[in-house]
């Protein structure tokens, strides 16, 4: 850790200083409006058509790769493991997301801790030497291409490939906000802070999908597997801790403090200051919204209303029944691997 790394602010300092910077910038922005936005865009936006086309092609590639992986690898593996049909239908989604987020977060970790980037220990440094049209380092550009194309794919996947949940509309909003942040931060060369944002968010998704997979696998082959149950319980605890620590502690105190407060000190009149901070604040609200799901679930556990782990975002649909011998009996639609949407069985096709 660098010796000159500044101390992280408290929540009180974050709110007070960020509010002061935001209100001061608003009072000093006498020309704020569409005319200023158009001029700022024309002066600072940098994006080649080849870069946009490559991202779109990669998004299509993610979709086709997921389709092929689900058909040829993940669904056959779920059948081989004899997962319950309702879990076998959702397992490919979690396995796919686990694979991507693990690769993405590992690469972000490599950039932040094994390269010469001080952004994690010194968040204000993300704006040092910033200038219009500055070159994006190749290693960071790779991370941006991977993330932007994946979230472009995720918009389609949420609507037509994923199981529909109570918060799927919120998930769509999250994907739109994330994609806007990724693309806009690349266009305006705020890629340094973007890598930090991605690092602080992807780890929770890894733990979430890993925990869900163990929930799906604990009743494979028609028998109970205690090891998967234990792993899922431990995963739930670590997921709750990491969500708070990374998204509700480090993210506001490292990222929001840098973008709301220190950015104006380093780059006075920084382009689209209000736009980017509005998106980051919206992302913070979404993190709080999902954290309420976690609190809701933990509360139900302590009150004895939940006997085992499940996804509280799933629709409560009475699609299964048990025979006298305790065997699970499901409709033929679930046996065919179809998905649930809004409480209704729906076969999602590419």
Protein backbone atom coordinates (compact mmCIF):
# COMPACT_ATOMS: atom_id res chain seq x y z
CA UNK A 1 0.00 0.00 0.00
CA UNK A 2 1.45 3.38 -0.97
CA UNK A 3 2.71 5.39 2.00
CA UNK A 4 1.15 8.62 0.73
CA UNK A 5 -2.30 7.13 0.24
CA UNK A 6 -4.94 9.47 1.69
CA UNK A 7 -7.24 8.39 4.47
CA UNK A 8 -10.70 7.27 3.42
CA UNK A 9 -13.40 9.75 4.51
CA UNK A 10 -16.24 8.97 6.87
CA UNK A 11 -19.89 8.89 5.81
CA UNK A 12 -20.36 12.27 7.45
CA UNK A 13 -17.49 13.75 5.46
CA UNK A 14 -18.79 12.14 2.28
CA UNK A 15 -22.24 13.68 2.66
CA UNK A 16 -21.07 17.10 3.83
CA UNK A 17 -18.26 17.60 1.31
CA UNK A 18 -20.10 16.04 -1.61
CA UNK A 19 -23.18 18.15 -0.94
CA UNK A 20 -21.01 21.24 -0.75
CA UNK A 21 -19.28 20.43 -4.03
CA UNK A 22 -22.53 19.54 -5.82
CA UNK A 23 -24.38 22.62 -4.62
CA UNK A 24 -21.41 24.87 -5.36
CA UNK A 25 -21.09 23.47 -8.87
CA UNK A 26 -24.81 23.94 -9.44
CA UNK A 27 -24.71 27.57 -8.29
CA UNK A 28 -21.72 28.27 -10.52
CA UNK A 29 -23.23 26.66 -13.59
CA UNK A 30 -25.04 29.62 -15.11
CA UNK A 31 -24.97 28.11 -18.61
CA UNK A 32 -26.18 24.63 -17.67
CA UNK A 33 -28.64 23.26 -20.19
CA UNK A 34 -28.90 21.48 -23.51
CA UNK A 35 -26.70 24.00 -25.33
CA UNK A 36 -23.83 23.46 -22.89
CA UNK A 37 -24.36 19.68 -23.02
CA UNK A 38 -24.15 19.67 -26.84
CA UNK A 39 -20.99 21.79 -26.82
CA UNK A 40 -19.40 19.61 -24.13
CA UNK A 41 -20.25 16.47 -26.06
CA UNK A 42 -18.77 17.86 -29.26
CA UNK A 43 -15.58 18.97 -27.49
CA UNK A 44 -14.89 15.94 -25.29
CA UNK A 45 -16.64 12.81 -26.63
CA UNK A 46 -14.28 10.34 -28.29
CA UNK A 47 -15.61 7.07 -29.74
CA UNK A 48 -14.73 5.44 -33.05
CA UNK A 49 -17.36 3.60 -35.06
CA UNK A 50 -15.07 0.57 -35.13
CA UNK A 51 -15.08 0.47 -31.32
CA UNK A 52 -18.89 0.61 -31.15
CA UNK A 53 -19.22 -2.07 -33.84
CA UNK A 54 -16.74 -4.33 -32.03
CA UNK A 55 -18.72 -4.00 -28.79
CA UNK A 56 -21.98 -4.91 -30.58
CA UNK A 57 -20.37 -7.94 -32.22
CA UNK A 58 -19.00 -9.07 -28.86
CA UNK A 59 -22.46 -8.66 -27.29
CA UNK A 60 -23.87 -10.93 -30.00
CA UNK A 61 -20.99 -13.30 -29.33
CA UNK A 62 -21.83 -13.48 -25.61
CA UNK A 63 -25.45 -14.33 -26.48
CA UNK A 64 -24.52 -17.07 -28.91
CA UNK A 65 -21.87 -18.45 -26.56
CA UNK A 66 -24.36 -18.64 -23.70
CA UNK A 67 -26.92 -20.31 -25.94
CA UNK A 68 -24.38 -22.93 -27.03
CA UNK A 69 -23.03 -23.47 -23.50
CA UNK A 70 -26.53 -23.97 -22.10
CA UNK A 71 -27.57 -26.43 -24.80
CA UNK A 72 -24.41 -28.49 -25.13
CA UNK A 73 -22.84 -28.31 -21.68
CA UNK A 74 -24.86 -26.86 -18.81
CA UNK A 75 -28.28 -28.41 -19.40
CA UNK A 76 -26.82 -31.88 -20.12
CA UNK A 77 -24.70 -31.55 -16.97
CA UNK A 78 -27.79 -30.63 -14.93
CA UNK A 79 -29.59 -33.70 -16.29
CA UNK A 80 -26.57 -35.89 -15.58
CA UNK A 81 -26.54 -34.63 -11.98
CA UNK A 82 -30.29 -35.34 -11.79
CA UNK A 83 -31.18 -31.88 -10.50
CA UNK A 84 -34.85 -31.21 -9.74
CA UNK A 85 -36.40 -29.82 -12.94
CA UNK A 86 -37.12 -26.38 -11.49
CA UNK A 87 -33.45 -26.10 -10.44
CA UNK A 88 -32.14 -27.62 -13.66
CA UNK A 89 -33.97 -24.87 -15.58
CA UNK A 90 -32.20 -22.11 -13.62
CA UNK A 91 -28.77 -23.69 -13.15
CA UNK A 92 -27.37 -22.71 -16.61
CA UNK A 93 -28.13 -19.04 -15.94
CA UNK A 94 -26.22 -19.01 -12.64
CA UNK A 95 -23.33 -21.06 -14.02
CA UNK A 96 -22.97 -18.70 -16.99
CA UNK A 97 -22.98 -15.59 -14.80
CA UNK A 98 -20.59 -17.16 -12.31
CA UNK A 99 -18.10 -17.90 -15.09
CA UNK A 100 -18.25 -14.37 -16.51
CA UNK A 101 -18.10 -12.47 -13.22
CA UNK A 102 -15.22 -14.63 -11.99
CA UNK A 103 -13.20 -13.88 -15.12
CA UNK A 104 -14.12 -10.17 -15.09
CA UNK A 105 -13.41 -9.64 -11.39
CA UNK A 106 -10.13 -11.56 -11.58
CA UNK A 107 -9.00 -9.34 -14.44
CA UNK A 108 -10.07 -6.16 -12.59
CA UNK A 109 -8.13 -7.39 -9.54
CA UNK A 110 -5.09 -7.91 -11.73
CA UNK A 111 -5.36 -4.34 -13.05
CA UNK A 112 -5.77 -2.74 -9.63
CA UNK A 113 -3.27 -4.74 -7.61
CA UNK A 114 -0.73 -6.19 -10.04
CA UNK A 115 -0.28 -3.26 -12.40
CA UNK A 116 0.96 0.27 -11.66
CA UNK A 117 -2.52 1.68 -11.07
CA UNK A 118 -3.01 3.28 -7.60
CA UNK A 119 -6.78 3.76 -7.95
CA UNK A 120 -7.90 1.49 -5.12
CA UNK A 121 -5.61 2.93 -2.45
CA UNK A 122 -5.74 6.48 -3.80
CA UNK A 123 -9.17 7.01 -5.44
CA UNK A 124 -8.63 10.74 -6.16
CA UNK A 125 -5.78 9.68 -8.45
CA UNK A 126 -8.32 8.49 -11.03
CA UNK A 127 -8.54 12.10 -12.23
CA UNK A 128 -4.83 12.97 -12.09
CA UNK A 129 -3.52 13.99 -15.52
CA UNK A 130 -6.99 13.69 -17.04
CA UNK A 131 -7.40 15.41 -20.39
CA UNK A 132 -9.80 15.33 -23.31
CA UNK A 133 -9.26 12.44 -25.71
CA UNK A 134 -6.46 10.91 -23.65
CA UNK A 135 -5.42 7.44 -24.74
CA UNK A 136 -7.05 4.51 -22.93
CA UNK A 137 -4.41 1.93 -21.91
CA UNK A 138 -4.85 -1.33 -23.82
CA UNK A 139 -5.33 -3.44 -20.68
CA UNK A 140 -8.13 -1.18 -19.42
CA UNK A 141 -9.68 -1.04 -22.91
CA UNK A 142 -9.93 -4.85 -22.88
CA UNK A 143 -11.82 -4.73 -19.57
CA UNK A 144 -14.19 -2.10 -20.96
CA UNK A 145 -14.86 -4.06 -24.13
CA UNK A 146 -15.61 -7.19 -22.11
CA UNK A 147 -17.94 -5.42 -19.67
CA UNK A 148 -19.76 -3.19 -22.16
CA UNK A 149 -20.50 -6.08 -24.51
CA UNK A 150 -21.61 -8.33 -21.65
CA UNK A 151 -24.10 -5.79 -20.31
CA UNK A 152 -25.37 -5.22 -23.82
CA UNK A 153 -26.00 -8.97 -23.96
CA UNK A 154 -27.51 -8.85 -20.44
CA UNK A 155 -30.29 -6.50 -21.57
CA UNK A 156 -31.47 -9.10 -24.06
CA UNK A 157 -30.82 -12.00 -21.70
CA UNK A 158 -32.91 -10.52 -18.88
CA UNK A 159 -35.91 -10.26 -21.19
CA UNK A 160 -35.63 -13.48 -23.17
CA UNK A 161 -33.19 -15.90 -21.52
CA UNK A 162 -33.16 -15.45 -17.72
CA UNK A 163 -35.80 -16.68 -15.28
CA UNK A 164 -38.17 -13.80 -14.53
CA UNK A 165 -38.09 -12.58 -10.92
CA UNK A 166 -39.80 -10.00 -8.76
CA UNK A 167 -36.96 -7.55 -9.33
CA UNK A 168 -36.34 -8.22 -13.03
CA UNK A 169 -37.59 -4.74 -13.95
CA UNK A 170 -35.15 -3.27 -11.44
CA UNK A 171 -32.47 -5.53 -12.92
CA UNK A 172 -33.20 -4.06 -16.36
CA UNK A 173 -32.83 -0.56 -14.92
CA UNK A 174 -29.54 -1.63 -13.34
CA UNK A 175 -28.24 -2.98 -16.66
CA UNK A 176 -29.23 0.23 -18.47
CA UNK A 177 -27.55 2.43 -15.83
CA UNK A 178 -24.43 0.24 -15.81
CA UNK A 179 -24.18 0.19 -19.59
CA UNK A 180 -24.60 3.98 -19.75
CA UNK A 181 -21.86 4.40 -17.13
CA UNK A 182 -19.48 2.05 -18.94
CA UNK A 183 -19.99 3.57 -22.39
CA UNK A 184 -20.08 7.20 -21.24
CA UNK A 185 -17.03 6.82 -18.96
CA UNK A 186 -15.10 5.35 -21.89
CA UNK A 187 -16.22 8.10 -24.27
CA UNK A 188 -15.15 10.85 -21.83
CA UNK A 189 -12.04 8.99 -20.65
CA UNK A 190 -13.17 8.36 -17.10
CA UNK A 191 -11.97 4.78 -17.48
CA UNK A 192 -9.83 4.87 -14.34
CA UNK A 193 -12.79 5.31 -12.01
CA UNK A 194 -14.76 2.82 -14.12
CA UNK A 195 -12.33 -0.01 -13.34
CA UNK A 196 -12.71 0.70 -9.62
CA UNK A 197 -16.52 0.66 -9.90
CA UNK A 198 -16.47 -2.68 -11.71
CA UNK A 199 -14.08 -4.22 -9.18
CA UNK A 200 -16.28 -3.19 -6.24
CA UNK A 201 -19.44 -4.68 -7.78
CA UNK A 202 -18.49 -7.92 -9.50
CA UNK A 203 -17.33 -9.79 -6.39
CA UNK A 204 -20.85 -9.83 -4.92
CA UNK A 205 -22.21 -11.33 -8.13
CA UNK A 206 -19.64 -14.12 -7.92
CA UNK A 207 -20.74 -15.04 -4.41
CA UNK A 208 -24.42 -14.76 -5.28
CA UNK A 209 -24.26 -17.11 -8.25
CA UNK A 210 -21.93 -19.55 -6.44
CA UNK A 211 -24.36 -19.71 -3.52
CA UNK A 212 -27.34 -20.24 -5.82
CA UNK A 213 -25.57 -23.09 -7.60
CA UNK A 214 -25.01 -24.87 -4.30
CA UNK A 215 -28.67 -24.38 -3.44
CA UNK A 216 -29.60 -26.02 -6.74
CA UNK A 217 -27.18 -28.91 -6.24
CA UNK A 218 -28.06 -29.85 -2.67
CA UNK A 219 -31.01 -32.02 -3.76
CA UNK A 220 -29.44 -33.60 -6.83
CA UNK A 221 -30.15 -37.22 -7.61
CA UNK A 222 -33.23 -37.19 -5.40
CA UNK A 223 -31.13 -37.10 -2.22
CA UNK A 224 -30.02 -34.38 0.19
CA UNK A 225 -26.33 -33.37 0.05
CA UNK A 226 -25.22 -31.74 3.27
CA UNK A 227 -21.95 -30.35 1.90
CA UNK A 228 -23.74 -28.20 -0.68
CA UNK A 229 -26.14 -27.03 2.02
CA UNK A 230 -23.25 -25.98 4.28
CA UNK A 231 -21.47 -24.23 1.40
CA UNK A 232 -24.66 -22.38 0.46
CA UNK A 233 -25.14 -21.20 4.05
CA UNK A 234 -21.54 -20.00 4.29
CA UNK A 235 -21.89 -18.39 0.87
CA UNK A 236 -24.99 -16.53 2.01
CA UNK A 237 -23.12 -15.07 4.99
CA UNK A 238 -20.08 -14.02 2.94
CA UNK A 239 -22.37 -12.60 0.25
CA UNK A 240 -24.16 -10.39 2.79
CA UNK A 241 -20.86 -9.17 4.22
CA UNK A 242 -19.27 -8.49 0.84
CA UNK A 243 -22.37 -6.69 -0.44
CA UNK A 244 -22.26 -4.23 2.45
CA UNK A 245 -18.49 -3.88 2.51
CA UNK A 246 -17.87 -3.47 -1.20
CA UNK A 247 -21.08 -1.77 -2.42
CA UNK A 248 -22.27 0.21 0.60
CA UNK A 249 -18.99 1.01 2.35
CA UNK A 250 -16.10 1.13 -0.12
CA UNK A 251 -18.15 2.21 -3.14
CA UNK A 252 -19.58 5.41 -1.59
CA UNK A 253 -16.44 6.33 0.36
CA UNK A 254 -14.01 5.63 -2.47
CA UNK A 255 -15.95 6.22 -5.69
CA UNK A 256 -18.65 8.76 -4.81
CA UNK A 257 -16.26 10.84 -2.74
CA UNK A 258 -13.83 10.99 -5.66
CA UNK A 259 -16.45 11.78 -8.31
CA UNK A 260 -18.55 14.22 -6.28
CA UNK A 261 -15.85 16.07 -4.36
CA UNK A 262 -12.20 15.58 -5.35
CA UNK A 263 -12.90 15.50 -9.10
CA UNK A 264 -13.70 19.23 -9.07
CA UNK A 265 -10.49 19.97 -7.17
CA UNK A 266 -8.40 18.06 -9.70
CA UNK A 267 -10.27 19.00 -12.89
CA UNK A 268 -12.27 22.24 -12.42
CA UNK A 269 -15.24 22.26 -14.78
CA UNK A 270 -14.97 18.53 -15.41
CA UNK A 271 -17.31 17.54 -18.30
CA UNK A 272 -20.74 16.07 -17.48
CA UNK A 273 -20.10 16.25 -13.75
CA UNK A 274 -23.81 16.12 -12.85
CA UNK A 275 -24.66 13.41 -15.38
CA UNK A 276 -22.08 10.90 -14.13
CA UNK A 277 -22.75 11.57 -10.48
CA UNK A 278 -26.49 11.17 -11.04
CA UNK A 279 -25.90 7.73 -12.57
CA UNK A 280 -23.55 6.71 -9.74
CA UNK A 281 -26.06 7.88 -7.13
CA UNK A 282 -28.75 5.88 -8.92
CA UNK A 283 -26.48 2.84 -8.80
CA UNK A 284 -26.06 3.43 -5.07
CA UNK A 285 -29.83 3.49 -4.61
CA UNK A 286 -30.13 0.19 -6.50
CA UNK A 287 -27.49 -1.31 -4.22
CA UNK A 288 -29.49 -0.18 -1.19
CA UNK A 289 -32.70 -1.56 -2.75
CA UNK A 290 -31.18 -5.01 -3.17
CA UNK A 291 -29.60 -4.84 0.28
CA UNK A 292 -33.14 -4.54 1.64
CA UNK A 293 -33.87 -7.93 0.05
CA UNK A 294 -30.91 -9.32 1.97
CA UNK A 295 -32.13 -7.78 5.24
CA UNK A 296 -35.63 -9.09 4.53
CA UNK A 297 -34.29 -12.59 3.98
CA UNK A 298 -32.07 -12.58 7.09
CA UNK A 299 -34.99 -11.30 9.17
CA UNK A 300 -37.17 -14.18 7.96
CA UNK A 301 -34.41 -16.64 8.87
CA UNK A 302 -34.11 -15.31 12.42
CA UNK A 303 -37.89 -15.33 12.82
CA UNK A 304 -38.02 -18.96 11.73
CA UNK A 305 -40.09 -18.22 8.63
CA UNK A 306 -37.40 -19.67 6.33
CA UNK A 307 -36.06 -23.16 6.92
CA UNK A 308 -33.58 -23.24 4.03
CA UNK A 309 -31.94 -20.94 1.54
CA UNK A 310 -33.82 -19.82 -1.54
CA UNK A 311 -34.00 -16.74 -3.70
CA UNK A 312 -36.48 -14.29 -2.16
CA UNK A 313 -36.69 -12.57 -5.56
CA UNK A 314 -38.33 -15.63 -7.13
CA UNK A 315 -42.06 -15.65 -7.72
CA UNK A 316 -43.87 -17.90 -5.27
CA UNK A 317 -45.59 -20.23 -7.67
CA UNK A 318 -47.25 -23.46 -6.66
CA UNK A 319 -45.93 -25.42 -9.59
CA UNK A 320 -44.84 -28.49 -7.70
CA UNK A 321 -46.49 -31.04 -5.48
CA UNK A 322 -45.26 -34.06 -3.58
CA UNK A 323 -46.52 -37.60 -3.66
CA UNK A 324 -47.25 -39.59 -0.54
CA UNK A 325 -43.72 -40.97 -0.69
CA UNK A 326 -42.26 -37.45 -0.65
CA UNK A 327 -41.23 -37.54 -4.31
CA UNK A 328 -41.36 -34.20 -6.07
CA UNK A 329 -43.89 -34.08 -8.90
CA UNK A 330 -43.69 -31.22 -11.39
CA UNK A 331 -45.60 -30.20 -14.49
CA UNK A 332 -44.31 -31.35 -17.85
CA UNK A 333 -43.42 -27.77 -18.73
CA UNK A 334 -40.76 -27.63 -16.04
CA UNK A 335 -39.53 -31.09 -16.96
CA UNK A 336 -38.87 -29.68 -20.44
CA UNK A 337 -36.66 -26.98 -18.95
CA UNK A 338 -38.97 -24.02 -19.56
CA UNK A 339 -38.73 -20.89 -17.47
CA UNK A 340 -41.08 -19.12 -15.10
CA UNK A 341 -42.14 -15.61 -15.92
CA UNK A 342 -44.56 -13.63 -13.75
CA UNK A 343 -45.83 -16.88 -12.28
CA UNK A 344 -46.46 -18.33 -15.73
CA UNK A 345 -44.45 -20.92 -17.58
CA UNK A 346 -42.82 -19.39 -20.62
CA UNK A 347 -40.40 -20.96 -23.05
CA UNK A 348 -37.82 -18.27 -23.87
CA UNK A 349 -36.21 -18.65 -27.26
CA UNK A 350 -33.34 -16.81 -28.90
